[in-house]
């Protein structure tokens, strides 16, 4: 029995996600319609009793219309199990012809859009999803696919994973304080150096300035993971062209988040007490995160 029918209250607990058919399948139709009402379609292998079909019909009738050329996933139910997570959702097709979606990665996201689980599904096993239809299906995320163990069973989202380019993430103070030209220069740096390795977080120096009172360093914090990262304290060491440590210290950050697959610039000011050398060659320099500050 599907998990949704093992619960006293049979309600939709997930969100809806929608992408264009052109983006997912390189298919686009010409139409003058603005809204598409889908019909409920059960997979041929689903032999549900009438009372269970009624529940899906009720949930389907609550779904909003789609626009032309859209593929949607409407989350219905999520259930934790010993062997993973069972997610029930409607696969929706607004095209005027059946579609077949082959092997594709799906993301299960929490309320904050952090990844709960990621798994590649061979949706070709479903066969054709009929034209202008919504087909319920159960997606099983095994234990090895989980990125989180504790999360809410409401407000989640099941979504197609479409690769997005590594982008600029600005703190609110930078968003309002920088000119559009400066923002463009930062994005150009990100485009030039490319994205970090998958799963990697690193720090890249952008600018450095030294005076009698302090050493000011601006870095790009580069998040190559699929999760937002929260940084609280960062111990940093700055090396000059001779690879000598010229400044070292720990910085405390307040509610500092670097979003998944983005780079965030930030400026760190090393006071005189953090500076380790009177003479320094800043023709070349680097910054390292130190594991154990002495």
C-alpha atoms as a PDB file:
ATOM      1  CA  UNK A   1       0.000   0.000   0.000  1.00  0.00           C
ATOM      2  CA  UNK A   2       1.250   3.474  -0.833  1.00  0.00           C
ATOM      3  CA  UNK A   3       2.420   5.518   2.141  1.00  0.00           C
ATOM      4  CA  UNK A   4      -0.229   8.166   1.544  1.00  0.00           C
ATOM      5  CA  UNK A   5      -2.962   5.622   2.290  1.00  0.00           C
ATOM      6  CA  UNK A   6      -1.328   4.586   5.565  1.00  0.00           C
ATOM      7  CA  UNK A   7      -1.924   8.059   7.002  1.00  0.00           C
ATOM      8  CA  UNK A   8      -5.105   9.262   8.664  1.00  0.00           C
ATOM      9  CA  UNK A   9      -5.088  12.608   6.881  1.00  0.00           C
ATOM     10  CA  UNK A  10      -4.548  12.239   3.157  1.00  0.00           C
ATOM     11  CA  UNK A  11      -3.378  15.674   2.090  1.00  0.00           C
ATOM     12  CA  UNK A  12      -0.768  17.140  -0.230  1.00  0.00           C
ATOM     13  CA  UNK A  13       2.364  17.992   1.804  1.00  0.00           C
ATOM     14  CA  UNK A  14       4.842  18.885  -0.977  1.00  0.00           C
ATOM     15  CA  UNK A  15       5.309  21.842  -3.299  1.00  0.00           C
ATOM     16  CA  UNK A  16       5.063  22.003  -7.086  1.00  0.00           C
ATOM     17  CA  UNK A  17       7.971  22.617  -9.445  1.00  0.00           C
ATOM     18  CA  UNK A  18       7.658  23.437 -13.128  1.00  0.00           C
ATOM     19  CA  UNK A  19      10.161  23.663 -15.971  1.00  0.00           C
ATOM     20  CA  UNK A  20       9.797  24.187 -19.692  1.00  0.00           C
ATOM     21  CA  UNK A  21       9.652  21.181 -21.982  1.00  0.00           C
ATOM     22  CA  UNK A  22      12.261  22.903 -24.143  1.00  0.00           C
ATOM     23  CA  UNK A  23      14.675  23.060 -21.218  1.00  0.00           C
ATOM     24  CA  UNK A  24      14.147  19.427 -20.225  1.00  0.00           C
ATOM     25  CA  UNK A  25      13.535  17.727 -23.567  1.00  0.00           C
ATOM     26  CA  UNK A  26      14.254  20.328 -26.273  1.00  0.00           C
ATOM     27  CA  UNK A  27      10.577  20.206 -27.317  1.00  0.00           C
ATOM     28  CA  UNK A  28       8.328  23.224 -27.880  1.00  0.00           C
ATOM     29  CA  UNK A  29       4.829  23.496 -29.345  1.00  0.00           C
ATOM     30  CA  UNK A  30       3.086  26.497 -30.856  1.00  0.00           C
ATOM     31  CA  UNK A  31      -0.292  27.257 -29.288  1.00  0.00           C
ATOM     32  CA  UNK A  32      -2.559  30.197 -28.513  1.00  0.00           C
ATOM     33  CA  UNK A  33      -3.725  28.688 -25.247  1.00  0.00           C
ATOM     34  CA  UNK A  34      -2.610  30.218 -21.963  1.00  0.00           C
ATOM     35  CA  UNK A  35      -3.740  27.500 -19.534  1.00  0.00           C
ATOM     36  CA  UNK A  36      -3.754  23.732 -19.781  1.00  0.00           C
ATOM     37  CA  UNK A  37      -5.972  21.644 -17.531  1.00  0.00           C
ATOM     38  CA  UNK A  38      -4.545  18.168 -17.163  1.00  0.00           C
ATOM     39  CA  UNK A  39      -6.479  14.916 -16.790  1.00  0.00           C
ATOM     40  CA  UNK A  40      -5.592  12.225 -14.262  1.00  0.00           C
ATOM     41  CA  UNK A  41      -3.839   9.205 -15.750  1.00  0.00           C
ATOM     42  CA  UNK A  42      -2.805   6.058 -13.866  1.00  0.00           C
ATOM     43  CA  UNK A  43       0.108   3.896 -14.960  1.00  0.00           C
ATOM     44  CA  UNK A  44      -1.118   0.579 -16.439  1.00  0.00           C
ATOM     45  CA  UNK A  45       0.533  -1.341 -13.579  1.00  0.00           C
ATOM     46  CA  UNK A  46      -1.425   0.587 -10.932  1.00  0.00           C
ATOM     47  CA  UNK A  47      -4.558  -1.382 -10.073  1.00  0.00           C
ATOM     48  CA  UNK A  48      -5.927   0.808  -7.300  1.00  0.00           C
ATOM     49  CA  UNK A  49      -9.213   0.257  -5.486  1.00  0.00           C
ATOM     50  CA  UNK A  50     -11.851   2.851  -6.270  1.00  0.00           C
ATOM     51  CA  UNK A  51     -11.496   4.579  -2.881  1.00  0.00           C
ATOM     52  CA  UNK A  52      -7.749   5.086  -3.490  1.00  0.00           C
ATOM     53  CA  UNK A  53      -8.409   6.355  -7.006  1.00  0.00           C
ATOM     54  CA  UNK A  54     -10.849   8.827  -5.456  1.00  0.00           C
ATOM     55  CA  UNK A  55      -8.107  10.240  -3.211  1.00  0.00           C
ATOM     56  CA  UNK A  56      -5.829  10.843  -6.216  1.00  0.00           C
ATOM     57  CA  UNK A  57      -8.711  12.417  -8.141  1.00  0.00           C
ATOM     58  CA  UNK A  58      -9.366  14.764  -5.243  1.00  0.00           C
ATOM     59  CA  UNK A  59      -5.687  15.739  -4.993  1.00  0.00           C
ATOM     60  CA  UNK A  60      -5.438  16.144  -8.763  1.00  0.00           C
ATOM     61  CA  UNK A  61      -8.441  18.458  -8.856  1.00  0.00           C
ATOM     62  CA  UNK A  62      -6.639  20.731  -6.387  1.00  0.00           C
ATOM     63  CA  UNK A  63      -3.658  21.198  -8.720  1.00  0.00           C
ATOM     64  CA  UNK A  64      -3.363  24.485 -10.633  1.00  0.00           C
ATOM     65  CA  UNK A  65      -3.505  24.509 -14.452  1.00  0.00           C
ATOM     66  CA  UNK A  66      -0.226  24.411 -16.341  1.00  0.00           C
ATOM     67  CA  UNK A  67       0.969  26.738 -19.050  1.00  0.00           C
ATOM     68  CA  UNK A  68       1.845  25.442 -22.516  1.00  0.00           C
ATOM     69  CA  UNK A  69       5.145  23.603 -22.896  1.00  0.00           C
ATOM     70  CA  UNK A  70       5.563  22.737 -19.247  1.00  0.00           C
ATOM     71  CA  UNK A  71       6.647  19.627 -17.369  1.00  0.00           C
ATOM     72  CA  UNK A  72       5.811  19.680 -13.683  1.00  0.00           C
ATOM     73  CA  UNK A  73       6.294  17.608 -10.541  1.00  0.00           C
ATOM     74  CA  UNK A  74       3.626  18.108  -7.882  1.00  0.00           C
ATOM     75  CA  UNK A  75       4.676  16.703  -4.518  1.00  0.00           C
ATOM     76  CA  UNK A  76       1.964  14.725  -2.744  1.00  0.00           C
ATOM     77  CA  UNK A  77       3.402  12.694   0.121  1.00  0.00           C
ATOM     78  CA  UNK A  78       6.741  11.942   1.785  1.00  0.00           C
ATOM     79  CA  UNK A  79       7.349   9.011   4.121  1.00  0.00           C
ATOM     80  CA  UNK A  80      10.532   7.975   5.913  1.00  0.00           C
ATOM     81  CA  UNK A  81      11.337   4.275   5.897  1.00  0.00           C
ATOM     82  CA  UNK A  82      14.147   2.035   7.114  1.00  0.00           C
ATOM     83  CA  UNK A  83      15.518   1.716   3.580  1.00  0.00           C
ATOM     84  CA  UNK A  84      15.179   5.370   2.571  1.00  0.00           C
ATOM     85  CA  UNK A  85      12.425   7.819   1.644  1.00  0.00           C
ATOM     86  CA  UNK A  86       9.277   7.161  -0.350  1.00  0.00           C
ATOM     87  CA  UNK A  87       7.975  10.171  -2.265  1.00  0.00           C
ATOM     88  CA  UNK A  88       4.629  10.216  -4.035  1.00  0.00           C
ATOM     89  CA  UNK A  89       4.167  12.893  -6.682  1.00  0.00           C
ATOM     90  CA  UNK A  90       2.300  13.728  -9.879  1.00  0.00           C
ATOM     91  CA  UNK A  91       4.348  13.879 -13.080  1.00  0.00           C
ATOM     92  CA  UNK A  92       2.537  16.430 -15.243  1.00  0.00           C
ATOM     93  CA  UNK A  93       2.719  17.052 -18.989  1.00  0.00           C
ATOM     94  CA  UNK A  94       1.057  20.060 -20.675  1.00  0.00           C
ATOM     95  CA  UNK A  95       2.185  19.141 -24.188  1.00  0.00           C
ATOM     96  CA  UNK A  96      -0.318  18.004 -26.801  1.00  0.00           C
ATOM     97  CA  UNK A  97       1.535  14.738 -27.246  1.00  0.00           C
ATOM     98  CA  UNK A  98       2.831  11.949 -24.973  1.00  0.00           C
ATOM     99  CA  UNK A  99       6.343  12.302 -23.616  1.00  0.00           C
ATOM    100  CA  UNK A 100       8.937   9.867 -22.373  1.00  0.00           C
ATOM    101  CA  UNK A 101      11.508  11.059 -19.865  1.00  0.00           C
ATOM    102  CA  UNK A 102      14.550   8.844 -19.696  1.00  0.00           C
ATOM    103  CA  UNK A 103      17.282   8.713 -17.068  1.00  0.00           C
ATOM    104  CA  UNK A 104      17.347  11.944 -15.100  1.00  0.00           C
ATOM    105  CA  UNK A 105      18.520  13.111 -11.653  1.00  0.00           C
ATOM    106  CA  UNK A 106      15.894  14.302  -9.185  1.00  0.00           C
ATOM    107  CA  UNK A 107      16.455  16.401  -6.078  1.00  0.00           C
ATOM    108  CA  UNK A 108      14.428  16.183  -2.898  1.00  0.00           C
ATOM    109  CA  UNK A 109      14.627  19.610  -1.212  1.00  0.00           C
ATOM    110  CA  UNK A 110      13.595  20.814   2.237  1.00  0.00           C
ATOM    111  CA  UNK A 111      11.738  24.022   3.135  1.00  0.00           C
ATOM    112  CA  UNK A 112      14.931  26.066   2.725  1.00  0.00           C
ATOM    113  CA  UNK A 113      15.680  24.418  -0.641  1.00  0.00           C
ATOM    114  CA  UNK A 114      18.609  22.459   0.770  1.00  0.00           C
ATOM    115  CA  UNK A 115      19.118  18.997  -0.669  1.00  0.00           C
ATOM    116  CA  UNK A 116      17.616  16.175   1.389  1.00  0.00           C
ATOM    117  CA  UNK A 117      18.453  13.516  -1.199  1.00  0.00           C
ATOM    118  CA  UNK A 118      19.588  13.124  -4.786  1.00  0.00           C
ATOM    119  CA  UNK A 119      19.002  10.097  -6.975  1.00  0.00           C
ATOM    120  CA  UNK A 120      19.075   9.289 -10.691  1.00  0.00           C
ATOM    121  CA  UNK A 121      15.805   7.712 -11.874  1.00  0.00           C
ATOM    122  CA  UNK A 122      15.177   5.869 -15.130  1.00  0.00           C
ATOM    123  CA  UNK A 123      11.784   7.388 -15.855  1.00  0.00           C
ATOM    124  CA  UNK A 124      11.727   5.583 -19.179  1.00  0.00           C
ATOM    125  CA  UNK A 125      10.377   2.620 -17.211  1.00  0.00           C
ATOM    126  CA  UNK A 126       7.133   4.544 -16.815  1.00  0.00           C
ATOM    127  CA  UNK A 127       6.648   4.514 -20.571  1.00  0.00           C
ATOM    128  CA  UNK A 128       4.780   7.433 -22.097  1.00  0.00           C
ATOM    129  CA  UNK A 129       3.234  10.125 -19.926  1.00  0.00           C
ATOM    130  CA  UNK A 130       0.054  10.911 -21.891  1.00  0.00           C
ATOM    131  CA  UNK A 131      -0.638  14.294 -23.410  1.00  0.00           C
ATOM    132  CA  UNK A 132      -2.030  16.926 -21.045  1.00  0.00           C
ATOM    133  CA  UNK A 133      -2.052  14.538 -18.131  1.00  0.00           C
ATOM    134  CA  UNK A 134      -0.936  14.122 -14.530  1.00  0.00           C
ATOM    135  CA  UNK A 135       0.382  10.681 -13.570  1.00  0.00           C
ATOM    136  CA  UNK A 136       0.985   9.754  -9.925  1.00  0.00           C
ATOM    137  CA  UNK A 137       4.180   7.819  -9.216  1.00  0.00           C
ATOM    138  CA  UNK A 138       6.281   6.764  -6.237  1.00  0.00           C
ATOM    139  CA  UNK A 139       9.977   7.699  -6.177  1.00  0.00           C
ATOM    140  CA  UNK A 140      12.209   5.769  -3.788  1.00  0.00           C
ATOM    141  CA  UNK A 141      15.334   7.523  -2.486  1.00  0.00           C
ATOM    142  CA  UNK A 142      17.616   4.874  -0.939  1.00  0.00           C
ATOM    143  CA  UNK A 143      19.634   5.531   2.199  1.00  0.00           C
ATOM    144  CA  UNK A 144      22.871   6.151   0.268  1.00  0.00           C
ATOM    145  CA  UNK A 145      21.212   9.067  -1.573  1.00  0.00           C
ATOM    146  CA  UNK A 146      20.361  10.996   1.609  1.00  0.00           C
ATOM    147  CA  UNK A 147      22.246  14.194   2.451  1.00  0.00           C
ATOM    148  CA  UNK A 148      20.168  14.940   5.568  1.00  0.00           C
ATOM    149  CA  UNK A 149      18.763  12.671   8.260  1.00  0.00           C
ATOM    150  CA  UNK A 150      16.425  15.084  10.033  1.00  0.00           C
ATOM    151  CA  UNK A 151      13.972  17.286   8.110  1.00  0.00           C
ATOM    152  CA  UNK A 152      10.326  18.306   8.035  1.00  0.00           C
ATOM    153  CA  UNK A 153       7.869  16.062   6.194  1.00  0.00           C
ATOM    154  CA  UNK A 154       5.985  19.141   4.991  1.00  0.00           C
ATOM    155  CA  UNK A 155       6.989  21.989   2.700  1.00  0.00           C
ATOM    156  CA  UNK A 156       9.392  19.801   0.695  1.00  0.00           C
ATOM    157  CA  UNK A 157       9.932  19.873  -3.063  1.00  0.00           C
ATOM    158  CA  UNK A 158      10.748  17.210  -5.637  1.00  0.00           C
ATOM    159  CA  UNK A 159      12.511  18.769  -8.627  1.00  0.00           C
ATOM    160  CA  UNK A 160      14.441  17.970 -11.775  1.00  0.00           C
ATOM    161  CA  UNK A 161      18.128  18.719 -11.364  1.00  0.00           C
ATOM    162  CA  UNK A 162      19.112  21.080 -14.119  1.00  0.00           C
ATOM    163  CA  UNK A 163      22.729  22.154 -14.080  1.00  0.00           C
ATOM    164  CA  UNK A 164      22.984  25.864 -13.365  1.00  0.00           C
ATOM    165  CA  UNK A 165      26.133  27.882 -13.988  1.00  0.00           C
ATOM    166  CA  UNK A 166      28.218  28.824 -10.968  1.00  0.00           C
ATOM    167  CA  UNK A 167      27.037  32.307 -10.030  1.00  0.00           C
ATOM    168  CA  UNK A 168      27.723  35.306  -7.824  1.00  0.00           C
ATOM    169  CA  UNK A 169      26.152  35.401  -4.336  1.00  0.00           C
ATOM    170  CA  UNK A 170      26.267  38.834  -2.713  1.00  0.00           C
ATOM    171  CA  UNK A 171      25.653  39.664   0.924  1.00  0.00           C
ATOM    172  CA  UNK A 172      22.896  42.244   1.343  1.00  0.00           C
ATOM    173  CA  UNK A 173      25.430  44.943   2.226  1.00  0.00           C
ATOM    174  CA  UNK A 174      27.372  44.240  -0.973  1.00  0.00           C
ATOM    175  CA  UNK A 175      24.218  44.031  -3.071  1.00  0.00           C
ATOM    176  CA  UNK A 176      23.244  47.565  -2.093  1.00  0.00           C
ATOM    177  CA  UNK A 177      26.755  49.008  -1.876  1.00  0.00           C
ATOM    178  CA  UNK A 178      28.261  47.857  -5.170  1.00  0.00           C
ATOM    179  CA  UNK A 179      27.640  49.468  -8.525  1.00  0.00           C
ATOM    180  CA  UNK A 180      26.361  47.344 -11.392  1.00  0.00           C
ATOM    181  CA  UNK A 181      29.771  47.700 -12.988  1.00  0.00           C
ATOM    182  CA  UNK A 182      31.545  46.271  -9.942  1.00  0.00           C
ATOM    183  CA  UNK A 183      29.055  43.422  -9.781  1.00  0.00           C
ATOM    184  CA  UNK A 184      29.783  42.691 -13.423  1.00  0.00           C
ATOM    185  CA  UNK A 185      33.528  42.609 -12.725  1.00  0.00           C
ATOM    186  CA  UNK A 186      33.008  40.064  -9.928  1.00  0.00           C
ATOM    187  CA  UNK A 187      30.838  37.880 -12.164  1.00  0.00           C
ATOM    188  CA  UNK A 188      33.517  38.142 -14.879  1.00  0.00           C
ATOM    189  CA  UNK A 189      36.102  36.783 -12.409  1.00  0.00           C
ATOM    190  CA  UNK A 190      33.810  33.865 -11.590  1.00  0.00           C
ATOM    191  CA  UNK A 191      33.257  33.143 -15.282  1.00  0.00           C
ATOM    192  CA  UNK A 192      36.988  33.323 -15.996  1.00  0.00           C
ATOM    193  CA  UNK A 193      38.207  30.985 -13.247  1.00  0.00           C
ATOM    194  CA  UNK A 194      35.331  28.531 -13.661  1.00  0.00           C
ATOM    195  CA  UNK A 195      33.513  26.679 -10.954  1.00  0.00           C
ATOM    196  CA  UNK A 196      35.274  24.830  -8.127  1.00  0.00           C
ATOM    197  CA  UNK A 197      35.503  21.071  -8.132  1.00  0.00           C
ATOM    198  CA  UNK A 198      32.277  19.311  -7.245  1.00  0.00           C
ATOM    199  CA  UNK A 199      31.855  19.121  -3.482  1.00  0.00           C
ATOM    200  CA  UNK A 200      34.740  21.513  -2.831  1.00  0.00           C
ATOM    201  CA  UNK A 201      34.763  24.776  -0.848  1.00  0.00           C
ATOM    202  CA  UNK A 202      37.787  27.035  -1.338  1.00  0.00           C
ATOM    203  CA  UNK A 203      38.965  30.618  -0.953  1.00  0.00           C
ATOM    204  CA  UNK A 204      40.390  32.698  -3.792  1.00  0.00           C
ATOM    205  CA  UNK A 205      42.104  36.054  -3.279  1.00  0.00           C
ATOM    206  CA  UNK A 206      40.804  39.065  -5.220  1.00  0.00           C
ATOM    207  CA  UNK A 207      42.622  42.058  -3.727  1.00  0.00           C
ATOM    208  CA  UNK A 208      45.024  42.958  -0.925  1.00  0.00           C
ATOM    209  CA  UNK A 209      46.113  46.251   0.653  1.00  0.00           C
ATOM    210  CA  UNK A 210      48.560  47.002   3.475  1.00  0.00           C
ATOM    211  CA  UNK A 211      49.064  50.099   5.603  1.00  0.00           C
ATOM    212  CA  UNK A 212      50.536  50.867   9.000  1.00  0.00           C
ATOM    213  CA  UNK A 213      47.394  49.758  10.858  1.00  0.00           C
ATOM    214  CA  UNK A 214      46.155  46.660   9.079  1.00  0.00           C
ATOM    215  CA  UNK A 215      46.157  44.273   6.145  1.00  0.00           C
ATOM    216  CA  UNK A 216      42.919  44.167   4.142  1.00  0.00           C
ATOM    217  CA  UNK A 217      42.161  41.116   2.025  1.00  0.00           C
ATOM    218  CA  UNK A 218      39.124  40.523  -0.193  1.00  0.00           C
ATOM    219  CA  UNK A 219      38.355  36.909  -1.035  1.00  0.00           C
ATOM    220  CA  UNK A 220      35.882  34.891  -3.043  1.00  0.00           C
ATOM    221  CA  UNK A 221      34.437  32.075  -0.933  1.00  0.00           C
ATOM    222  CA  UNK A 222      33.636  29.439  -3.540  1.00  0.00           C
ATOM    223  CA  UNK A 223      31.007  26.800  -2.756  1.00  0.00           C
ATOM    224  CA  UNK A 224      31.102  23.852  -5.146  1.00  0.00           C
ATOM    225  CA  UNK A 225      28.641  21.770  -3.128  1.00  0.00           C
ATOM    226  CA  UNK A 226      24.913  21.225  -3.587  1.00  0.00           C
ATOM    227  CA  UNK A 227      24.183  22.612  -0.127  1.00  0.00           C
ATOM    228  CA  UNK A 228      24.157  26.082   1.361  1.00  0.00           C
ATOM    229  CA  UNK A 229      27.069  26.381   3.803  1.00  0.00           C
ATOM    230  CA  UNK A 230      26.991  28.307   7.078  1.00  0.00           C
ATOM    231  CA  UNK A 231      30.309  29.799   8.174  1.00  0.00           C
ATOM    232  CA  UNK A 232      30.808  30.869  11.775  1.00  0.00           C
ATOM    233  CA  UNK A 233      34.568  31.155  12.326  1.00  0.00           C
ATOM    234  CA  UNK A 234      37.318  31.143   9.710  1.00  0.00           C
ATOM    235  CA  UNK A 235      41.014  30.927  10.691  1.00  0.00           C
ATOM    236  CA  UNK A 236      43.061  32.411   7.838  1.00  0.00           C
ATOM    237  CA  UNK A 237      46.731  32.762   7.000  1.00  0.00           C
ATOM    238  CA  UNK A 238      48.069  35.107   4.318  1.00  0.00           C
ATOM    239  CA  UNK A 239      51.321  34.272   2.516  1.00  0.00           C
ATOM    240  CA  UNK A 240      53.377  36.640   0.382  1.00  0.00           C
ATOM    241  CA  UNK A 241      55.416  35.958  -2.745  1.00  0.00           C
ATOM    242  CA  UNK A 242      58.093  34.208  -0.657  1.00  0.00           C
ATOM    243  CA  UNK A 243      55.470  31.839   0.834  1.00  0.00           C
ATOM    244  CA  UNK A 244      56.059  33.399   4.250  1.00  0.00           C
ATOM    245  CA  UNK A 245      53.050  33.858   6.533  1.00  0.00           C
ATOM    246  CA  UNK A 246      52.618  37.610   6.847  1.00  0.00           C
ATOM    247  CA  UNK A 247      49.272  37.626   8.691  1.00  0.00           C
ATOM    248  CA  UNK A 248      47.250  35.081  10.574  1.00  0.00           C
ATOM    249  CA  UNK A 249      44.073  35.113  12.655  1.00  0.00           C
ATOM    250  CA  UNK A 250      40.534  33.812  13.160  1.00  0.00           C
ATOM    251  CA  UNK A 251      37.462  35.753  12.028  1.00  0.00           C
ATOM    252  CA  UNK A 252      33.981  35.338  13.497  1.00  0.00           C
ATOM    253  CA  UNK A 253      31.068  35.711  11.085  1.00  0.00           C
ATOM    254  CA  UNK A 254      27.453  36.345  12.008  1.00  0.00           C
ATOM    255  CA  UNK A 255      24.763  34.405  10.108  1.00  0.00           C
ATOM    256  CA  UNK A 256      27.035  34.081   7.082  1.00  0.00           C
ATOM    257  CA  UNK A 257      25.708  31.780   4.343  1.00  0.00           C
ATOM    258  CA  UNK A 258      27.220  30.911   0.970  1.00  0.00           C
ATOM    259  CA  UNK A 259      24.539  29.439  -1.258  1.00  0.00           C
ATOM    260  CA  UNK A 260      25.003  26.180  -3.126  1.00  0.00           C
ATOM    261  CA  UNK A 261      27.018  26.436  -6.369  1.00  0.00           C
ATOM    262  CA  UNK A 262      27.899  30.112  -5.839  1.00  0.00           C
ATOM    263  CA  UNK A 263      30.839  32.311  -4.884  1.00  0.00           C
ATOM    264  CA  UNK A 264      30.496  35.064  -2.281  1.00  0.00           C
ATOM    265  CA  UNK A 265      33.031  37.910  -1.916  1.00  0.00           C
ATOM    266  CA  UNK A 266      33.989  39.104   1.554  1.00  0.00           C
ATOM    267  CA  UNK A 267      36.635  41.419   2.987  1.00  0.00           C
ATOM    268  CA  UNK A 268      38.746  40.405   5.981  1.00  0.00           C
ATOM    269  CA  UNK A 269      40.733  43.060   7.882  1.00  0.00           C
ATOM    270  CA  UNK A 270      43.795  41.766   9.729  1.00  0.00           C
ATOM    271  CA  UNK A 271      44.627  44.208  12.548  1.00  0.00           C
ATOM    272  CA  UNK A 272      48.241  44.878  13.513  1.00  0.00           C
ATOM    273  CA  UNK A 273      48.057  42.147  16.171  1.00  0.00           C
ATOM    274  CA  UNK A 274      47.431  39.581  13.391  1.00  0.00           C
ATOM    275  CA  UNK A 275      50.337  40.756  11.228  1.00  0.00           C
ATOM    276  CA  UNK A 276      53.448  38.572  11.505  1.00  0.00           C
ATOM    277  CA  UNK A 277      55.958  40.378   9.290  1.00  0.00           C
ATOM    278  CA  UNK A 278      57.189  43.929   8.936  1.00  0.00           C
ATOM    279  CA  UNK A 279      58.389  43.406   5.365  1.00  0.00           C
ATOM    280  CA  UNK A 280      56.213  41.690   2.772  1.00  0.00           C
ATOM    281  CA  UNK A 281      56.273  41.137  -0.957  1.00  0.00           C
ATOM    282  CA  UNK A 282      52.700  41.438  -2.206  1.00  0.00           C
ATOM    283  CA  UNK A 283      53.544  41.040  -5.885  1.00  0.00           C
ATOM    284  CA  UNK A 284      52.070  37.582  -5.412  1.00  0.00           C
ATOM    285  CA  UNK A 285      50.104  36.312  -2.435  1.00  0.00           C
ATOM    286  CA  UNK A 286      47.734  33.600  -1.299  1.00  0.00           C
ATOM    287  CA  UNK A 287      45.319  32.834   1.534  1.00  0.00           C
ATOM    288  CA  UNK A 288      44.838  29.514   3.296  1.00  0.00           C
ATOM    289  CA  UNK A 289      42.333  28.238   5.809  1.00  0.00           C
ATOM    290  CA  UNK A 290      44.387  26.905   8.699  1.00  0.00           C
ATOM    291  CA  UNK A 291      43.064  23.885  10.535  1.00  0.00           C
ATOM    292  CA  UNK A 292      44.634  24.536  13.894  1.00  0.00           C
ATOM    293  CA  UNK A 293      45.598  28.107  14.663  1.00  0.00           C
ATOM    294  CA  UNK A 294      48.586  28.315  16.950  1.00  0.00           C
END
